[in-house]
Protein backbone atom coordinates (compact mmCIF):
# COMPACT_ATOMS: atom_id res chain seq x y z
CA MET A 1 9.99 -19.92 -13.61
CA LYS A 2 6.85 -21.74 -12.49
CA VAL A 3 5.99 -22.20 -8.78
CA THR A 4 3.04 -23.33 -6.66
CA ILE A 5 1.98 -21.18 -3.73
CA ASP A 6 2.21 -23.13 -0.48
CA ARG A 7 0.90 -20.62 2.05
CA LEU A 8 0.34 -16.95 2.86
CA GLY A 9 2.73 -14.81 4.86
CA HIS A 10 1.57 -12.60 7.74
CA LEU A 11 1.10 -9.69 5.31
CA GLY A 12 -0.88 -11.74 2.81
CA ASP A 13 1.91 -12.44 0.31
CA GLY A 14 1.87 -15.83 -1.39
CA ILE A 15 4.89 -17.94 -0.46
CA ALA A 16 6.30 -20.71 -2.65
CA GLN A 17 9.33 -22.92 -2.08
CA GLY A 18 12.10 -22.32 -4.61
CA PRO A 19 15.45 -24.07 -5.11
CA LEU A 20 17.19 -21.53 -2.83
CA GLY A 21 14.43 -20.86 -0.33
CA ALA A 22 11.13 -18.99 -0.05
CA ILE A 23 9.78 -17.04 -3.03
CA PHE A 24 7.26 -14.25 -2.40
CA VAL A 25 4.44 -13.37 -4.81
CA PRO A 26 1.90 -10.70 -3.78
CA GLY A 27 -1.80 -11.19 -4.42
CA MET A 28 -1.70 -14.99 -4.60
CA LEU A 29 -3.58 -17.77 -2.81
CA PRO A 30 -2.45 -21.21 -1.63
CA GLY A 31 -2.51 -23.87 -4.35
CA GLU A 32 -2.19 -21.40 -7.22
CA GLU A 33 0.37 -22.14 -9.91
CA VAL A 34 2.22 -18.98 -10.96
CA GLU A 35 4.78 -18.29 -13.66
CA GLY A 36 7.19 -15.33 -13.76
CA ASP A 37 10.78 -14.09 -13.58
CA LEU A 38 12.69 -14.72 -10.36
CA GLN A 39 14.40 -11.58 -9.04
CA GLY A 40 16.02 -12.30 -5.70
CA ASP A 41 13.28 -13.80 -3.53
CA GLN A 42 10.47 -12.13 -5.53
CA LEU A 43 8.62 -13.33 -8.61
CA ALA A 44 8.26 -10.46 -11.13
CA ASP A 45 6.09 -10.10 -14.24
CA TYR A 46 4.09 -13.06 -13.02
CA ARG A 47 0.84 -14.52 -14.29
CA ILE A 48 -1.51 -17.05 -12.76
CA VAL A 49 -1.43 -20.38 -14.57
CA THR A 50 -3.90 -22.20 -12.30
CA PRO A 51 -6.15 -20.03 -10.09
CA SER A 52 -7.51 -21.09 -6.71
CA VAL A 53 -11.19 -21.90 -6.29
CA ASP A 54 -11.12 -19.23 -3.56
CA ARG A 55 -10.11 -16.47 -5.99
CA VAL A 56 -12.83 -13.87 -6.59
CA LYS A 57 -13.13 -10.62 -8.48
CA PRO A 58 -12.15 -7.74 -6.15
CA PRO A 59 -15.24 -5.70 -5.25
CA CYS A 60 -13.32 -2.42 -5.32
CA PRO A 61 -12.28 -0.76 -8.61
CA HIS A 62 -9.10 0.52 -6.90
CA ALA A 63 -7.94 -2.92 -5.74
CA LYS A 64 -5.10 -3.26 -8.26
CA THR A 65 -3.49 0.08 -7.44
CA CYS A 66 -4.43 0.95 -3.85
CA GLY A 67 -2.45 -0.55 -1.01
CA GLY A 68 -5.22 -0.13 1.54
CA CYS A 69 -6.59 -3.67 1.09
CA MET A 70 -4.58 -6.79 0.36
CA MET A 71 -7.12 -9.64 0.34
CA GLN A 72 -9.96 -8.53 -1.93
CA HIS A 73 -9.04 -11.28 -4.39
CA ALA A 74 -9.98 -13.98 -1.84
CA SER A 75 -13.42 -15.29 -0.89
CA GLU A 76 -14.89 -14.24 2.45
CA ALA A 77 -14.76 -17.83 3.69
CA PHE A 78 -11.06 -18.06 2.85
CA VAL A 79 -10.23 -14.76 4.59
CA ALA A 80 -12.18 -15.81 7.69
CA ASP A 81 -10.33 -19.13 7.91
CA TRP A 82 -7.01 -17.38 7.27
CA LYS A 83 -7.57 -14.90 10.11
CA LEU A 84 -8.63 -17.65 12.49
CA GLY A 85 -5.45 -19.45 11.46
CA ILE A 86 -3.33 -16.40 12.30
CA VAL A 87 -4.62 -16.45 15.88
CA LYS A 88 -4.40 -20.22 16.22
CA GLY A 89 -0.84 -20.11 14.92
CA ALA A 90 0.14 -17.45 17.44
CA LEU A 91 -1.29 -19.55 20.28
CA ALA A 92 0.40 -22.68 18.96
CA GLY A 93 3.71 -20.80 19.02
CA GLN A 94 3.29 -20.58 22.81
CA GLY A 95 2.14 -24.19 23.08
CA LEU A 96 -1.49 -23.18 23.59
CA GLU A 97 -4.83 -23.98 22.01
CA ALA A 98 -8.39 -22.90 22.67
CA GLU A 99 -12.00 -23.21 21.63
CA PHE A 100 -12.82 -20.64 18.92
CA ARG A 101 -16.18 -18.98 18.53
CA PRO A 102 -17.33 -18.18 14.95
CA ILE A 103 -15.56 -15.12 13.53
CA ILE A 104 -17.52 -11.83 13.34
CA THR A 105 -16.73 -9.63 10.32
CA SER A 106 -17.66 -5.98 9.84
CA PRO A 107 -19.54 -5.24 6.60
CA PRO A 108 -18.10 -3.31 3.64
CA LYS A 109 -18.28 0.50 3.76
CA SER A 110 -18.23 0.53 7.55
CA ARG A 111 -14.86 2.04 8.53
CA ARG A 112 -15.59 5.16 10.57
CA ARG A 113 -12.01 6.36 10.75
CA ALA A 114 -9.21 6.59 8.21
CA THR A 115 -5.89 8.33 7.69
CA ILE A 116 -5.70 9.86 4.23
CA ALA A 117 -2.47 10.84 2.48
CA ALA A 118 -2.52 14.02 0.39
CA ARG A 119 -0.36 16.47 -1.56
CA ARG A 120 -1.20 19.85 -3.01
CA THR A 121 -0.89 19.87 -6.79
CA LYS A 122 -0.69 22.62 -9.39
CA ASN A 123 -4.41 22.42 -10.07
CA GLY A 124 -5.77 21.21 -6.74
CA ALA A 125 -5.06 18.29 -4.41
CA LEU A 126 -4.17 14.60 -4.80
CA MET A 127 -5.67 12.56 -1.98
CA GLY A 128 -6.14 8.88 -1.16
CA PHE A 129 -4.19 5.87 0.11
CA HIS A 130 -0.65 4.78 -0.68
CA ALA A 131 -0.02 2.14 -3.30
CA ARG A 132 1.35 -1.10 -1.91
CA ALA A 133 4.95 -0.68 -0.65
CA SER A 134 5.11 2.79 -2.21
CA ASP A 135 4.78 6.47 -1.34
CA MET A 136 2.63 7.03 -4.44
CA VAL A 137 -0.83 8.33 -3.51
CA VAL A 138 -3.78 6.58 -5.19
CA GLU A 139 -7.15 8.33 -5.35
CA VAL A 140 -10.01 6.18 -4.02
CA PRO A 141 -13.34 7.91 -4.82
CA ASN A 142 -15.19 4.55 -4.88
CA CYS A 143 -13.51 2.94 -1.85
CA GLN A 144 -15.46 -0.10 -0.61
CA LEU A 145 -13.92 0.07 2.85
CA LEU A 146 -14.83 3.56 4.09
CA HIS A 147 -18.23 4.55 5.43
CA PRO A 148 -20.08 6.79 2.92
CA ASP A 149 -19.97 9.63 5.46
CA LEU A 150 -16.16 9.56 5.28
CA LEU A 151 -16.15 9.60 1.49
CA ALA A 152 -18.50 12.60 1.66
CA THR A 153 -15.79 14.55 3.52
CA PHE A 154 -13.31 14.32 0.63
CA PRO A 155 -14.24 17.66 -1.01
CA GLY A 156 -13.74 19.42 2.31
CA LEU A 157 -10.46 17.61 2.94
CA GLN A 158 -9.25 18.62 -0.51
CA ALA A 159 -10.10 22.22 0.32
CA LEU A 160 -7.94 21.97 3.45
CA VAL A 161 -5.03 20.56 1.44
CA LYS A 162 -5.31 23.34 -1.15
CA LEU A 163 -5.12 25.92 1.63
CA GLY A 164 -2.47 24.45 3.86
CA GLY A 165 -0.80 21.61 2.00
CA SER A 166 2.54 21.51 0.20
CA ARG A 167 3.62 20.38 -3.24
CA THR A 168 6.86 18.99 -1.81
CA ALA A 169 5.69 17.27 1.39
CA GLU A 170 2.83 14.94 2.20
CA VAL A 171 -0.04 15.89 4.46
CA SER A 172 -1.75 13.31 6.68
CA LEU A 173 -5.47 13.76 7.37
CA THR A 174 -7.13 11.56 9.98
CA VAL A 175 -10.89 11.82 9.65
CA THR A 176 -13.32 10.23 12.10
CA ARG A 177 -17.08 9.94 11.72
CA SER A 178 -18.93 11.29 14.74
CA LEU A 179 -22.57 11.88 15.62
CA SER A 180 -22.11 15.62 15.04
CA GLY A 181 -19.95 15.66 11.91
CA ALA A 182 -16.45 14.74 10.83
CA ASP A 183 -13.60 15.12 13.31
CA VAL A 184 -10.52 16.04 11.24
CA MET A 185 -6.91 16.00 12.41
CA VAL A 186 -4.21 17.27 10.01
CA VAL A 187 -0.48 16.64 10.41
CA GLY A 188 2.16 18.08 8.11
CA GLY A 189 0.30 21.21 7.05
CA LYS A 190 1.78 24.68 6.75
CA PRO A 191 2.57 26.53 9.99
CA LEU A 192 -0.43 28.43 11.28
CA ASP A 193 -0.77 32.18 10.99
CA GLY A 194 -3.79 34.39 11.50
CA GLN A 195 -4.89 34.35 7.87
CA LEU A 196 -4.55 30.57 7.47
CA GLN A 197 -6.44 29.94 10.69
CA LEU A 198 -9.28 32.15 9.50
CA GLU A 199 -9.47 30.35 6.15
CA LEU A 200 -9.36 26.92 7.81
CA ALA A 201 -12.22 27.94 10.10
CA ARG A 202 -14.26 28.95 7.05
CA VAL A 203 -13.68 25.53 5.45
CA THR A 204 -14.74 23.85 8.68
CA GLU A 205 -17.99 25.80 8.67
CA THR A 206 -18.63 25.39 4.92
CA TYR A 207 -18.24 21.60 4.95
CA GLY A 208 -19.80 20.99 8.36
CA PHE A 209 -16.79 19.51 10.11
CA ALA A 210 -17.31 19.17 13.86
CA ARG A 211 -13.69 19.90 14.75
CA LEU A 212 -10.44 20.67 12.94
CA THR A 213 -7.06 20.04 14.56
CA TRP A 214 -4.03 21.39 12.70
CA ASN A 215 -0.52 20.19 13.61
CA GLY A 216 -1.69 19.51 17.16
CA ASP A 217 -3.72 22.71 17.66
CA THR A 218 -7.51 22.84 17.58
CA VAL A 219 -8.14 25.67 15.13
CA ALA A 220 -11.89 25.27 14.71
CA LEU A 221 -14.62 23.72 16.86
CA ARG A 222 -18.04 24.05 15.28
CA THR A 223 -19.54 21.48 17.67
CA ALA A 224 -18.16 18.76 19.93
CA PRO A 225 -17.54 15.51 17.96
CA MET A 226 -19.60 13.01 19.94
CA GLN A 227 -19.40 9.22 20.12
CA ARG A 228 -21.98 7.00 21.82
CA PHE A 229 -20.95 4.20 24.18
CA GLY A 230 -24.10 2.58 25.51
CA ARG A 231 -26.29 5.40 26.82
CA ALA A 232 -23.28 7.69 27.36
CA LEU A 233 -22.12 10.39 24.95
CA VAL A 234 -18.37 11.11 24.84
CA SER A 235 -16.36 13.83 23.11
CA PRO A 236 -12.94 12.19 22.58
CA PRO A 237 -9.81 14.35 22.41
CA PRO A 238 -8.17 14.68 18.96
CA GLY A 239 -6.51 11.43 17.91
CA ALA A 240 -8.06 9.35 20.71
CA PHE A 241 -8.28 5.62 20.01
CA LEU A 242 -11.60 4.30 18.73
CA GLN A 243 -12.52 0.91 17.35
CA ALA A 244 -12.43 0.92 13.54
CA THR A 245 -16.13 0.21 12.96
CA VAL A 246 -19.28 0.61 15.02
CA GLU A 247 -20.21 -2.99 14.16
CA GLY A 248 -16.84 -4.25 15.35
CA GLU A 249 -17.06 -2.22 18.54
CA GLN A 250 -20.49 -3.67 19.31
CA ALA A 251 -19.24 -7.20 18.63
CA LEU A 252 -16.32 -6.70 21.02
CA LEU A 253 -18.61 -5.20 23.67
CA ARG A 254 -21.09 -8.09 23.41
CA THR A 255 -18.24 -10.57 23.68
CA VAL A 256 -16.69 -8.84 26.69
CA ALA A 257 -20.10 -8.71 28.40
CA LEU A 258 -20.57 -12.42 27.74
CA ALA A 259 -17.09 -13.19 29.08
CA ILE A 260 -17.49 -11.39 32.41
CA GLY A 261 -21.09 -12.50 32.97
CA PRO A 262 -22.90 -11.09 36.04
CA ALA A 263 -19.84 -9.36 37.52
CA LYS A 264 -20.78 -6.47 39.82
CA LYS A 265 -17.36 -4.90 40.33
CA ILE A 266 -15.17 -4.49 37.25
CA VAL A 267 -11.76 -3.03 36.53
CA ASP A 268 -11.26 -1.76 32.96
CA LEU A 269 -7.54 -1.43 32.15
CA PHE A 270 -6.39 0.74 29.22
CA ALA A 271 -9.93 2.08 29.25
CA GLY A 272 -9.42 4.78 26.61
CA VAL A 273 -12.46 7.06 26.44
CA GLY A 274 -14.82 4.41 27.82
CA THR A 275 -15.56 1.98 24.99
CA PHE A 276 -16.18 -0.80 27.51
CA ALA A 277 -16.28 1.03 30.83
CA LEU A 278 -19.33 3.20 30.11
CA PRO A 279 -21.67 0.51 28.72
CA LEU A 280 -20.61 -1.93 31.44
CA ALA A 281 -21.33 0.73 34.09
CA GLU A 282 -25.01 0.39 33.23
CA ARG A 283 -24.97 -2.83 35.24
CA ALA A 284 -21.81 -2.82 37.41
CA GLU A 285 -19.43 -0.57 39.33
CA VAL A 286 -16.37 0.17 37.20
CA LEU A 287 -12.85 1.37 37.91
CA ALA A 288 -11.55 2.69 34.58
CA VAL A 289 -7.77 3.14 34.32
CA GLU A 290 -6.05 4.88 31.39
CA GLY A 291 -2.68 6.55 30.95
CA GLU A 292 -3.69 9.53 28.79
CA PRO A 293 -5.11 12.43 30.86
CA ALA A 294 -7.15 13.86 27.97
CA MET A 295 -8.92 10.53 27.51
CA THR A 296 -9.63 10.02 31.21
CA ALA A 297 -11.01 13.56 31.37
CA ALA A 298 -13.40 12.81 28.49
CA LEU A 299 -14.44 9.52 30.10
CA ALA A 300 -15.04 11.08 33.51
CA LYS A 301 -17.07 13.93 32.02
CA ALA A 302 -19.27 11.47 30.11
CA ALA A 303 -19.79 9.31 33.19
CA ASN A 304 -20.76 12.32 35.31
CA ASN A 305 -23.23 13.52 32.67
CA THR A 306 -24.96 10.19 32.08
CA GLU A 307 -27.94 9.14 34.16
CA GLY A 308 -28.52 5.54 35.17
CA LEU A 309 -24.90 4.43 35.55
CA LYS A 310 -23.46 2.63 38.53
CA ARG A 311 -20.44 4.23 40.17
CA VAL A 312 -17.60 4.92 37.71
CA THR A 313 -14.19 5.71 39.18
CA VAL A 314 -11.64 7.05 36.69
CA GLU A 315 -7.89 6.97 37.29
CA THR A 316 -5.08 8.34 35.14
CA ARG A 317 -2.17 5.93 35.45
CA ASP A 318 0.67 4.63 33.29
CA LEU A 319 0.02 0.90 33.45
CA PHE A 320 3.32 0.08 31.79
CA ARG A 321 5.37 1.77 34.49
CA ARG A 322 2.92 1.40 37.37
CA PRO A 323 0.53 -1.53 36.88
CA LEU A 324 -2.25 -2.14 39.36
CA GLU A 325 -0.95 -4.35 42.17
CA ASP A 326 -2.41 -7.49 43.76
CA ASP A 327 -4.19 -5.75 46.62
CA GLU A 328 -5.95 -3.38 44.22
CA PHE A 329 -7.84 -6.34 42.72
CA LYS A 330 -9.32 -7.48 46.04
CA GLY A 331 -13.09 -7.75 45.80
CA ILE A 332 -13.05 -7.37 42.00
CA ASP A 333 -15.28 -9.79 40.09
CA ALA A 334 -13.82 -9.28 36.60
CA VAL A 335 -11.10 -7.44 34.71
CA VAL A 336 -11.34 -6.11 31.16
CA ILE A 337 -7.98 -5.32 29.60
CA ASP A 338 -7.44 -3.85 26.13
CA PRO A 339 -3.75 -2.89 25.79
CA PRO A 340 -1.93 -1.48 22.76
CA ARG A 341 -0.31 -3.80 20.21
CA ALA A 342 2.71 -4.46 22.39
CA GLY A 343 0.49 -6.06 25.02
CA ALA A 344 0.74 -5.46 28.75
CA GLU A 345 3.42 -7.78 30.09
CA ALA A 346 3.91 -6.03 33.44
CA GLN A 347 0.18 -5.82 34.17
CA MET A 348 -0.43 -9.39 33.04
CA ALA A 349 2.26 -10.59 35.44
CA VAL A 350 0.30 -9.07 38.31
CA LEU A 351 -3.02 -10.43 37.03
CA ALA A 352 -1.50 -13.90 36.75
CA ARG A 353 -0.98 -14.01 40.51
CA SER A 354 -4.24 -12.24 41.36
CA LYS A 355 -7.45 -13.90 42.51
CA VAL A 356 -9.74 -12.19 40.00
CA PRO A 357 -12.28 -14.83 38.88
CA VAL A 358 -12.60 -13.74 35.23
CA ILE A 359 -10.46 -11.76 32.79
CA ALA A 360 -11.67 -10.57 29.38
CA SER A 361 -8.53 -9.86 27.36
CA VAL A 362 -9.06 -7.76 24.23
CA SER A 363 -6.20 -7.57 21.74
CA CYS A 364 -5.26 -6.30 18.29
CA ASN A 365 -2.08 -8.40 18.16
CA PRO A 366 -2.28 -12.23 18.29
CA ILE A 367 1.44 -12.49 19.09
CA SER A 368 1.33 -10.35 22.25
CA PHE A 369 -2.04 -11.89 23.17
CA ALA A 370 -0.55 -15.39 23.03
CA ARG A 371 2.45 -14.31 25.12
CA ASP A 372 0.18 -12.76 27.76
CA ALA A 373 -2.15 -15.78 27.64
CA LYS A 374 0.74 -18.10 28.44
CA MET A 375 1.57 -15.95 31.46
CA LEU A 376 -2.00 -16.06 32.76
CA ILE A 377 -2.26 -19.82 32.24
CA ALA A 378 1.03 -20.37 34.06
CA GLY A 379 -0.51 -18.42 36.94
CA GLY A 380 -3.49 -20.75 37.19
CA TYR A 381 -6.01 -19.38 34.69
CA SER A 382 -7.62 -21.36 31.89
CA LEU A 383 -8.31 -19.95 28.42
CA ASP A 384 -11.97 -20.82 27.98
CA TRP A 385 -12.54 -19.51 24.46
CA VAL A 386 -11.43 -16.97 21.87
CA GLN A 387 -13.59 -14.69 19.74
CA VAL A 388 -12.01 -13.21 16.59
CA VAL A 389 -13.53 -9.95 15.32
CA ASP A 390 -12.53 -8.79 11.83
CA GLN A 391 -12.97 -5.02 11.76
CA PHE A 392 -10.35 -4.54 9.06
CA ARG A 393 -11.80 -6.35 6.07
CA TRP A 394 -9.39 -7.49 3.38
CA SER A 395 -6.34 -6.86 5.57
CA ALA A 396 -4.06 -8.96 7.77
CA HIS A 397 -5.23 -7.14 10.89
CA VAL A 398 -7.06 -9.14 13.57
CA GLU A 399 -8.96 -8.20 16.74
CA LEU A 400 -9.85 -10.79 19.36
CA VAL A 401 -11.22 -11.39 22.84
CA GLY A 402 -10.10 -14.20 25.10
CA ARG A 403 -11.98 -15.32 28.22
CA PHE A 404 -9.76 -16.44 31.11
CA SER A 405 -11.11 -17.90 34.34
CA ARG A 406 -9.56 -19.12 37.58
CA THR A 407 -9.46 -22.91 37.65
């Protein structure tokens, strides 16, 4: 059967129109003519008859087997337009449109955090990313996505798997680049006993890991894993949220700073460990609100230990169950809000009826962003512009900032 790809789905699959409905073909681009065997709504054993002008050779040697990246076969210009289209489509679904600033894309080999899948084998350890739509683990020694410092941790990670992994169950290793060495969090390893803990500590020392967390317990701390936010240094708790790349984080921070302008009193909602709150405190008073006590403790400690900051007030509060109320925004010049993927419907409802002059809304989900944007606009705000930041190259993932102002 021969089909022509009409568009891409939200996960990057090519979609063609068949006699009985949509046909899905992975790894395709719009306009490409493809021939293969129809099996249900999938085209199998397919080959490209007419390639798109936007098709390029994948830069990574693991592209055909690894499921970590899905768009390496497309030109950078195509991927940029596609990601802008994802956000525009989400806004259009709510009847909205906006001015878009040029997309900012993180460079290759810049991811500072990754979750690696691994299994212990008879002769060592198998470690890498899952193949697309599969539990098969693909080794990625020449990954073009990860920062070289993360790739350099692989021998040490393999040593951990050999010690505490299983041949029957998968181990998950989250490794984060820090200023003082790799911060490693392992889930699914063997239960700890005295001997295993001693051996894990030796691996931590041998390979220079800053911290090792094993099934929720910190078993080795060679030095605090530090991250820099502006002039402040923070030691995040294990598993704390961080932006995927330093370049992406800086792009988001610059955009947020541009959005709120000369604000002197700022509320940072879902503040995490201070990604925005600490740099912004170099020029304004900040109330930073976050629901996780370990993260607010790290933020408060960093603020107290950093010279030259304006007043930083830190509050631990579940903003889903107990959002800040109208009177708590009195006298506030700007709000920065960076909720999880589900958005912050309850808090946005309060903001929509507040008098805050400017809101910088940061999001990793265009769908929830568009829903929350509609709520703010219904409350009297205007969406001035949107900035898309692509921290997750070659994926369908999108980060963005929207500037809202009181009309």
